[in-house]
Amino acid sequence: MIREYPIIDEINIDNLSATPKYMQVAKAILKAVHEERIKKNETLPSINELSFLLDISRDTVEKSYRHLKQRGIIGSVPGKGFFVKSNEMHKRYRVLLLLNKLSEHKKVMYDALLATFDGSAEVDIYVYNNDFASFRKLILDRLEDYSHFVVTALFAGRTEDAGEVMRVIPRDKLIVFDKLVPGLPDGYAAVYENFESDIYNALTNLLDRVSRYQKLKVIFPDNSYYPPEIIRGIRKFAAEHRFRLVVVPSLENANVNRGDLVITVRDKDLLDLVDYVTHTDLKPGSDIGIISYNESPCKKYILGGITTVSTNFRFMGEQAARLIMEGVREQVATPFEVHLRASL
């Protein structure tokens, strides 16, 4: 027979959250302990019981309990089960990290954010998949739940609408991430990219290599959340150095030939290009050039190494955490980096 446990009422699994379910369970138990809704030495459900009561997998519960045991919050006694071992909490911040999408480079940023907090924050990730309605709802529904909001506002259009929504977040709680947002009052913190000047300067630094190619082709999808400033920076570079420039929405429109330098902003387009190249006699780095926007760990291995131009995502995560911990409202420009590899 399943016993009744008060902790069950404290745990609500949010299927919209990108935070793993085991962390949602762990954080709910931590919150209940911190607010003394469950007491020290109180018995917790067994792994099988909690799995049944929450309708989640046994592995999820086991991972959650293991996380809490490692932090010294719960303990276990053979034959008696799990209990609350300590109610001493050391988290100072509850942070909502709101992202337009998940990706390898966003994981680099998230890992750096957590490492910089060094255990002083609970960070929940939500992903709105470039959908404005989801973006708005996630902010308004969770406005009272967090001490700070780290927000990326990237979707096709409606950037000014994003500013109107983000105005409801108190300035001392808001960190604007990735792209500055029109419509916000002065005095908010930000860790941002200078998209136009960054790509222009990166290509200028690569001019000796880029000059090997006759035509510059950019695969930039239509109706994209990617900032148009990227294309403006590339156009400025191409005009200044007299490159023939073609901007197309997909590889199918690119008609890639010998002598072309191809820039991709989406990883999907990069992979399509890699697949195309491997089925031709075109050799990257001599017959054609390839540059990919945004660094990720795997790109150093693809085709012997893909040249990337990228913001420093580790720096972004570190700076967002620093702004929160120091309580300052600075606007920090993120360094942009070139990783020169065999594809150029």
Protein backbone atom coordinates (compact mmCIF):
# COMPACT_ATOMS: atom_id res chain seq x y z
CA MET A 1 0.00 0.00 0.00
CA ILE A 2 1.34 3.49 -0.95
CA ARG A 3 1.60 5.83 2.02
CA GLU A 4 0.66 9.51 1.82
CA TYR A 5 3.61 11.90 1.79
CA PRO A 6 3.31 15.71 2.13
CA ILE A 7 6.21 16.18 -0.32
CA ILE A 8 4.04 14.95 -3.21
CA ASP A 9 2.03 18.18 -3.09
CA GLU A 10 5.27 20.18 -3.45
CA ILE A 11 6.44 18.56 -6.70
CA ASN A 12 5.05 19.74 -10.01
CA ILE A 13 6.67 18.40 -13.18
CA ASP A 14 6.71 21.08 -15.89
CA ASN A 15 6.83 19.40 -19.28
CA LEU A 16 7.56 22.73 -21.00
CA SER A 17 10.79 23.20 -19.08
CA ALA A 18 14.15 22.28 -20.60
CA THR A 19 15.37 21.55 -17.06
CA PRO A 20 15.68 17.75 -16.73
CA LYS A 21 12.89 16.11 -14.74
CA TYR A 22 15.29 14.76 -12.14
CA MET A 23 16.43 18.33 -11.43
CA GLN A 24 12.83 19.53 -11.22
CA VAL A 25 12.16 16.89 -8.56
CA ALA A 26 15.37 17.73 -6.68
CA LYS A 27 14.68 21.48 -6.77
CA ALA A 28 11.10 20.99 -5.53
CA ILE A 29 12.37 18.97 -2.56
CA LEU A 30 15.10 21.57 -1.88
CA LYS A 31 12.54 24.38 -1.93
CA ALA A 32 10.20 22.52 0.42
CA VAL A 33 13.07 21.81 2.84
CA HIS A 34 14.30 25.41 2.68
CA GLU A 35 10.81 26.77 3.40
CA GLU A 36 10.37 24.15 6.15
CA ARG A 37 7.30 22.58 4.60
CA ILE A 38 9.08 19.30 5.16
CA LYS A 39 11.19 18.99 8.30
CA LYS A 40 14.58 17.60 9.13
CA ASN A 41 14.43 13.80 9.71
CA GLU A 42 11.09 13.55 7.87
CA THR A 43 10.70 10.35 5.84
CA LEU A 44 10.60 10.59 2.05
CA PRO A 45 8.92 8.20 -0.40
CA SER A 46 10.94 5.27 -1.66
CA ILE A 47 12.21 5.41 -5.24
CA ASN A 48 9.43 3.09 -6.40
CA GLU A 49 6.76 5.04 -4.53
CA LEU A 50 7.81 8.42 -5.87
CA SER A 51 8.08 7.00 -9.37
CA PHE A 52 4.50 5.72 -9.11
CA LEU A 53 3.06 8.84 -7.46
CA LEU A 54 4.59 11.26 -9.97
CA ASP A 55 4.26 8.96 -12.99
CA ILE A 56 7.93 9.33 -13.88
CA SER A 57 10.62 6.73 -14.41
CA ARG A 58 12.42 5.02 -11.56
CA ASP A 59 15.73 6.17 -13.05
CA THR A 60 14.59 9.79 -12.83
CA VAL A 61 13.79 9.49 -9.13
CA GLU A 62 17.01 7.61 -8.42
CA LYS A 63 19.06 10.30 -10.16
CA SER A 64 17.23 13.03 -8.24
CA TYR A 65 17.81 11.34 -4.87
CA ARG A 66 21.46 10.73 -5.74
CA HIS A 67 21.87 14.45 -6.51
CA LEU A 68 20.32 15.39 -3.15
CA LYS A 69 22.45 12.86 -1.28
CA GLN A 70 25.62 14.23 -2.86
CA ARG A 71 24.66 17.68 -1.57
CA GLY A 72 24.00 16.30 1.91
CA ILE A 73 20.31 17.27 1.90
CA ILE A 74 18.90 13.74 2.23
CA GLY A 75 20.23 10.49 3.64
CA SER A 76 19.19 6.86 3.59
CA VAL A 77 19.19 3.97 6.02
CA PRO A 78 19.10 0.38 4.71
CA GLY A 79 15.70 -1.10 5.36
CA LYS A 80 14.19 2.24 6.42
CA GLY A 81 14.49 4.37 3.27
CA PHE A 82 15.19 8.03 2.61
CA PHE A 83 14.86 10.97 5.00
CA VAL A 84 15.68 14.70 5.17
CA LYS A 85 19.19 14.94 6.57
CA SER A 86 19.84 18.69 6.52
CA ASN A 87 17.92 21.89 5.95
CA GLU A 88 20.99 24.09 5.44
CA MET A 89 20.75 25.88 2.10
CA HIS A 90 23.49 27.83 0.38
CA LYS A 91 21.73 29.02 -2.80
CA ARG A 92 21.54 32.81 -3.05
CA TYR A 93 19.97 33.15 -6.48
CA ARG A 94 17.12 31.58 -8.45
CA VAL A 95 17.75 32.25 -12.13
CA LEU A 96 15.49 31.75 -15.12
CA LEU A 97 17.59 31.24 -18.25
CA LEU A 98 15.29 31.83 -21.23
CA LEU A 99 16.73 30.65 -24.57
CA ASN A 100 15.39 30.73 -28.12
CA LYS A 101 16.76 27.23 -28.80
CA LEU A 102 19.10 24.54 -27.52
CA SER A 103 22.44 23.99 -29.24
CA GLU A 104 25.99 22.91 -28.55
CA HIS A 105 27.23 26.46 -28.13
CA LYS A 106 24.35 27.31 -25.77
CA LYS A 107 25.46 24.35 -23.64
CA VAL A 108 28.97 25.83 -23.46
CA MET A 109 27.44 29.07 -22.21
CA TYR A 110 25.20 27.29 -19.68
CA ASP A 111 28.10 25.25 -18.29
CA ALA A 112 30.16 28.45 -17.86
CA LEU A 113 27.22 30.15 -16.12
CA LEU A 114 26.89 27.32 -13.59
CA ALA A 115 30.64 27.05 -13.04
CA THR A 116 30.89 30.78 -12.28
CA PHE A 117 28.02 30.63 -9.80
CA ASP A 118 29.94 27.79 -8.10
CA GLY A 119 26.89 26.37 -6.36
CA SER A 120 25.39 29.70 -5.29
CA ALA A 121 22.45 29.58 -7.74
CA GLU A 122 19.65 27.38 -8.95
CA VAL A 123 19.27 27.85 -12.72
CA ASP A 124 16.16 26.73 -14.61
CA ILE A 125 16.28 26.63 -18.43
CA TYR A 126 13.23 27.30 -20.59
CA VAL A 127 13.24 27.21 -24.39
CA TYR A 128 10.63 29.05 -26.48
CA ASN A 129 11.79 27.76 -29.89
CA ASN A 130 11.78 31.23 -31.47
CA ASP A 131 8.03 31.52 -30.84
CA PHE A 132 6.96 34.94 -29.55
CA ALA A 133 3.77 33.73 -27.86
CA SER A 134 5.71 31.12 -25.85
CA PHE A 135 8.36 33.73 -25.00
CA ARG A 136 5.71 36.11 -23.64
CA LYS A 137 3.88 33.43 -21.65
CA LEU A 138 7.03 32.03 -20.06
CA ILE A 139 8.04 35.47 -18.75
CA LEU A 140 4.61 36.56 -17.52
CA ASP A 141 3.76 33.23 -15.89
CA ARG A 142 7.04 33.01 -13.96
CA LEU A 143 7.64 36.64 -13.06
CA GLU A 144 7.38 36.06 -9.30
CA ASP A 145 9.36 32.82 -9.19
CA TYR A 146 12.93 34.00 -9.78
CA SER A 147 15.45 36.45 -8.41
CA HIS A 148 16.97 37.07 -11.87
CA PHE A 149 16.10 36.58 -15.53
CA VAL A 150 18.74 35.93 -18.22
CA VAL A 151 16.85 36.42 -21.48
CA THR A 152 17.69 35.88 -25.15
CA ALA A 153 15.14 37.54 -27.44
CA LEU A 154 15.62 36.08 -30.93
CA PHE A 155 12.78 35.32 -33.31
CA ALA A 156 11.78 36.35 -36.81
CA GLY A 157 10.62 39.94 -36.36
CA ARG A 158 8.71 41.34 -33.35
CA THR A 159 11.88 42.42 -31.54
CA GLU A 160 10.16 45.61 -30.40
CA ASP A 161 7.29 43.54 -29.01
CA ALA A 162 9.89 41.59 -27.03
CA GLY A 163 11.02 44.84 -25.41
CA GLU A 164 7.47 45.58 -24.32
CA VAL A 165 7.17 42.16 -22.67
CA MET A 166 10.57 42.41 -20.98
CA ARG A 167 9.67 45.79 -19.45
CA VAL A 168 7.69 43.92 -16.79
CA ILE A 169 10.95 42.47 -15.42
CA PRO A 170 12.51 44.86 -12.87
CA ARG A 171 15.77 46.27 -14.26
CA ASP A 172 17.81 44.96 -11.33
CA LYS A 173 16.61 41.42 -12.12
CA LEU A 174 17.16 41.44 -15.89
CA ILE A 175 20.22 40.37 -17.89
CA VAL A 176 19.64 40.77 -21.64
CA PHE A 177 21.54 38.07 -23.46
CA ASP A 178 22.99 37.81 -26.96
CA LYS A 179 21.18 40.72 -28.68
CA LEU A 180 20.26 44.16 -27.35
CA VAL A 181 16.51 44.71 -27.40
CA PRO A 182 14.78 47.92 -28.56
CA GLY A 183 12.04 49.30 -26.34
CA LEU A 184 13.70 48.71 -22.98
CA PRO A 185 14.41 51.62 -20.61
CA ASP A 186 17.99 52.56 -19.83
CA GLY A 187 19.82 50.97 -16.94
CA TYR A 188 19.50 47.24 -17.56
CA ALA A 189 22.42 44.79 -17.68
CA ALA A 190 23.37 42.95 -20.84
CA VAL A 191 25.93 40.57 -22.31
CA TYR A 192 25.59 41.10 -26.02
CA GLU A 193 27.07 40.66 -29.48
CA ASN A 194 27.88 43.39 -32.04
CA PHE A 195 26.68 41.26 -34.94
CA GLU A 196 27.46 43.63 -37.82
CA SER A 197 30.91 44.79 -36.73
CA ASP A 198 31.88 41.34 -35.39
CA ILE A 199 31.38 39.51 -38.69
CA TYR A 200 32.93 42.38 -40.66
CA ASN A 201 36.06 42.41 -38.48
CA ALA A 202 36.34 38.61 -38.52
CA LEU A 203 36.26 38.46 -42.33
CA THR A 204 38.74 41.34 -42.52
CA ASN A 205 41.13 39.39 -40.27
CA LEU A 206 40.78 36.44 -42.68
CA LEU A 207 41.26 38.56 -45.81
CA ASP A 208 44.45 36.79 -46.95
CA ARG A 209 42.66 33.43 -46.97
CA VAL A 210 39.32 34.77 -48.22
CA SER A 211 41.07 36.42 -51.18
CA ARG A 212 41.82 32.96 -52.63
CA TYR A 213 38.19 32.70 -53.72
CA GLN A 214 36.32 34.51 -56.48
CA LYS A 215 32.76 34.54 -55.17
CA LEU A 216 31.30 34.80 -51.67
CA LYS A 217 28.09 32.80 -51.14
CA VAL A 218 26.13 33.13 -47.89
CA ILE A 219 23.42 30.64 -46.96
CA PHE A 220 21.05 32.70 -44.81
CA PRO A 221 17.55 31.24 -44.37
CA ASP A 222 14.46 33.35 -45.07
CA ASN A 223 12.26 34.46 -42.15
CA SER A 224 15.03 33.53 -39.77
CA TYR A 225 15.65 34.51 -36.16
CA TYR A 226 19.29 35.20 -37.10
CA PRO A 227 19.93 38.95 -36.80
CA PRO A 228 19.97 40.78 -40.17
CA GLU A 229 23.02 42.67 -38.90
CA ILE A 230 25.08 39.59 -39.82
CA ILE A 231 24.23 40.05 -43.50
CA ARG A 232 24.84 43.80 -43.27
CA GLY A 233 28.35 43.14 -41.96
CA ILE A 234 29.08 40.65 -44.75
CA ARG A 235 27.74 43.04 -47.41
CA LYS A 236 29.96 45.82 -46.06
CA PHE A 237 33.02 43.53 -46.22
CA ALA A 238 32.19 42.32 -49.74
CA ALA A 239 31.63 45.86 -51.06
CA GLU A 240 34.81 47.20 -49.49
CA HIS A 241 36.97 44.40 -50.91
CA ARG A 242 35.05 44.00 -54.19
CA PHE A 243 33.88 40.43 -53.74
CA ARG A 244 30.98 39.14 -55.77
CA LEU A 245 28.37 38.34 -53.13
CA VAL A 246 25.38 36.01 -53.39
CA VAL A 247 22.93 35.51 -50.49
CA VAL A 248 20.65 32.46 -50.79
CA PRO A 249 18.21 30.79 -48.38
CA SER A 250 19.46 27.22 -48.80
CA LEU A 251 22.22 25.09 -50.30
CA GLU A 252 19.90 24.09 -53.15
CA ASN A 253 19.93 27.72 -54.32
CA ALA A 254 23.68 28.18 -53.89
CA ASN A 255 25.00 26.25 -56.94
CA VAL A 256 28.37 25.74 -55.24
CA ASN A 257 31.30 25.63 -57.65
CA ARG A 258 35.07 25.68 -57.64
CA GLY A 259 36.31 29.10 -56.49
CA ASP A 260 33.38 29.76 -54.13
CA LEU A 261 33.67 30.67 -50.45
CA VAL A 262 30.51 29.52 -48.66
CA ILE A 263 29.42 30.95 -45.29
CA THR A 264 26.72 29.11 -43.35
CA VAL A 265 24.93 30.43 -40.27
CA ARG A 266 22.83 27.33 -39.52
CA ASP A 267 24.44 24.03 -38.58
CA LYS A 268 21.88 22.22 -40.74
CA ASP A 269 23.14 24.09 -43.81
CA LEU A 270 26.73 23.31 -42.84
CA LEU A 271 25.95 19.60 -42.64
CA ASP A 272 24.13 19.74 -46.01
CA LEU A 273 27.22 21.41 -47.49
CA VAL A 274 29.55 18.81 -45.95
CA ASP A 275 27.38 16.05 -47.41
CA TYR A 276 27.46 17.74 -50.82
CA VAL A 277 31.24 18.20 -50.77
CA THR A 278 31.92 14.57 -49.81
CA HIS A 279 30.07 13.46 -52.95
CA THR A 280 32.09 15.70 -55.30
CA ASP A 281 35.77 16.15 -56.15
CA LEU A 282 35.79 19.62 -54.54
CA LYS A 283 38.45 19.92 -51.86
CA PRO A 284 37.68 22.30 -48.94
CA GLY A 285 40.49 24.76 -48.35
CA SER A 286 41.62 24.86 -51.96
CA ASP A 287 38.79 24.31 -54.47
CA ILE A 288 36.16 25.88 -52.20
CA GLY A 289 36.24 27.60 -48.84
CA ILE A 290 33.86 27.03 -45.93
CA ILE A 291 33.20 29.30 -42.94
CA SER A 292 30.63 28.41 -40.29
CA TYR A 293 29.00 30.90 -37.93
CA ASN A 294 29.25 29.94 -34.22
CA GLU A 295 31.89 27.63 -32.82
CA SER A 296 31.04 24.22 -31.40
CA PRO A 297 33.39 21.42 -30.29
CA CYS A 298 32.62 19.09 -33.21
CA LYS A 299 33.54 21.59 -35.94
CA LYS A 300 37.26 21.16 -35.37
CA TYR A 301 36.90 17.55 -36.59
CA ILE A 302 34.53 17.89 -39.58
CA LEU A 303 36.36 17.66 -42.96
CA GLY A 304 39.65 18.02 -41.13
CA GLY A 305 38.44 21.22 -39.41
CA ILE A 306 35.80 23.84 -40.25
CA THR A 307 36.84 27.49 -39.93
CA THR A 308 34.43 29.30 -37.61
CA VAL A 309 33.67 32.90 -36.69
CA SER A 310 32.00 33.01 -33.32
CA THR A 311 31.23 34.87 -30.18
CA ASN A 312 32.87 33.52 -27.02
CA PHE A 313 30.00 31.64 -25.41
CA ARG A 314 32.03 30.74 -22.34
CA PHE A 315 32.66 34.44 -21.74
CA MET A 316 28.93 35.15 -22.10
CA GLY A 317 28.00 32.65 -19.40
CA GLU A 318 30.72 33.86 -17.05
CA GLN A 319 29.75 37.51 -17.46
CA ALA A 320 26.02 36.90 -16.93
CA ALA A 321 26.78 35.17 -13.63
CA ARG A 322 29.21 37.92 -12.63
CA LEU A 323 26.65 40.69 -13.27
CA ILE A 324 24.14 38.89 -11.06
CA MET A 325 26.57 38.15 -8.23
CA GLU A 326 28.06 41.66 -8.22
CA GLY A 327 24.66 43.33 -8.57
CA VAL A 328 25.86 45.67 -11.33
CA ARG A 329 24.00 46.84 -14.44
CA GLU A 330 26.74 46.95 -17.04
CA GLN A 331 26.36 46.26 -20.74
CA VAL A 332 29.24 43.99 -21.75
CA ALA A 333 30.20 43.39 -25.39
CA THR A 334 31.26 39.80 -26.01
CA PRO A 335 34.61 39.12 -27.76
CA PHE A 336 34.30 37.66 -31.25
CA GLU A 337 36.78 35.00 -32.27
CA VAL A 338 38.14 33.42 -35.45
CA HIS A 339 39.09 29.73 -35.44
CA LEU A 340 41.10 29.21 -38.64
CA ARG A 341 41.08 25.61 -39.84
CA ALA A 342 41.60 23.53 -42.97
CA SER A 343 38.27 24.42 -44.63
CA LEU A 344 39.62 27.88 -45.54
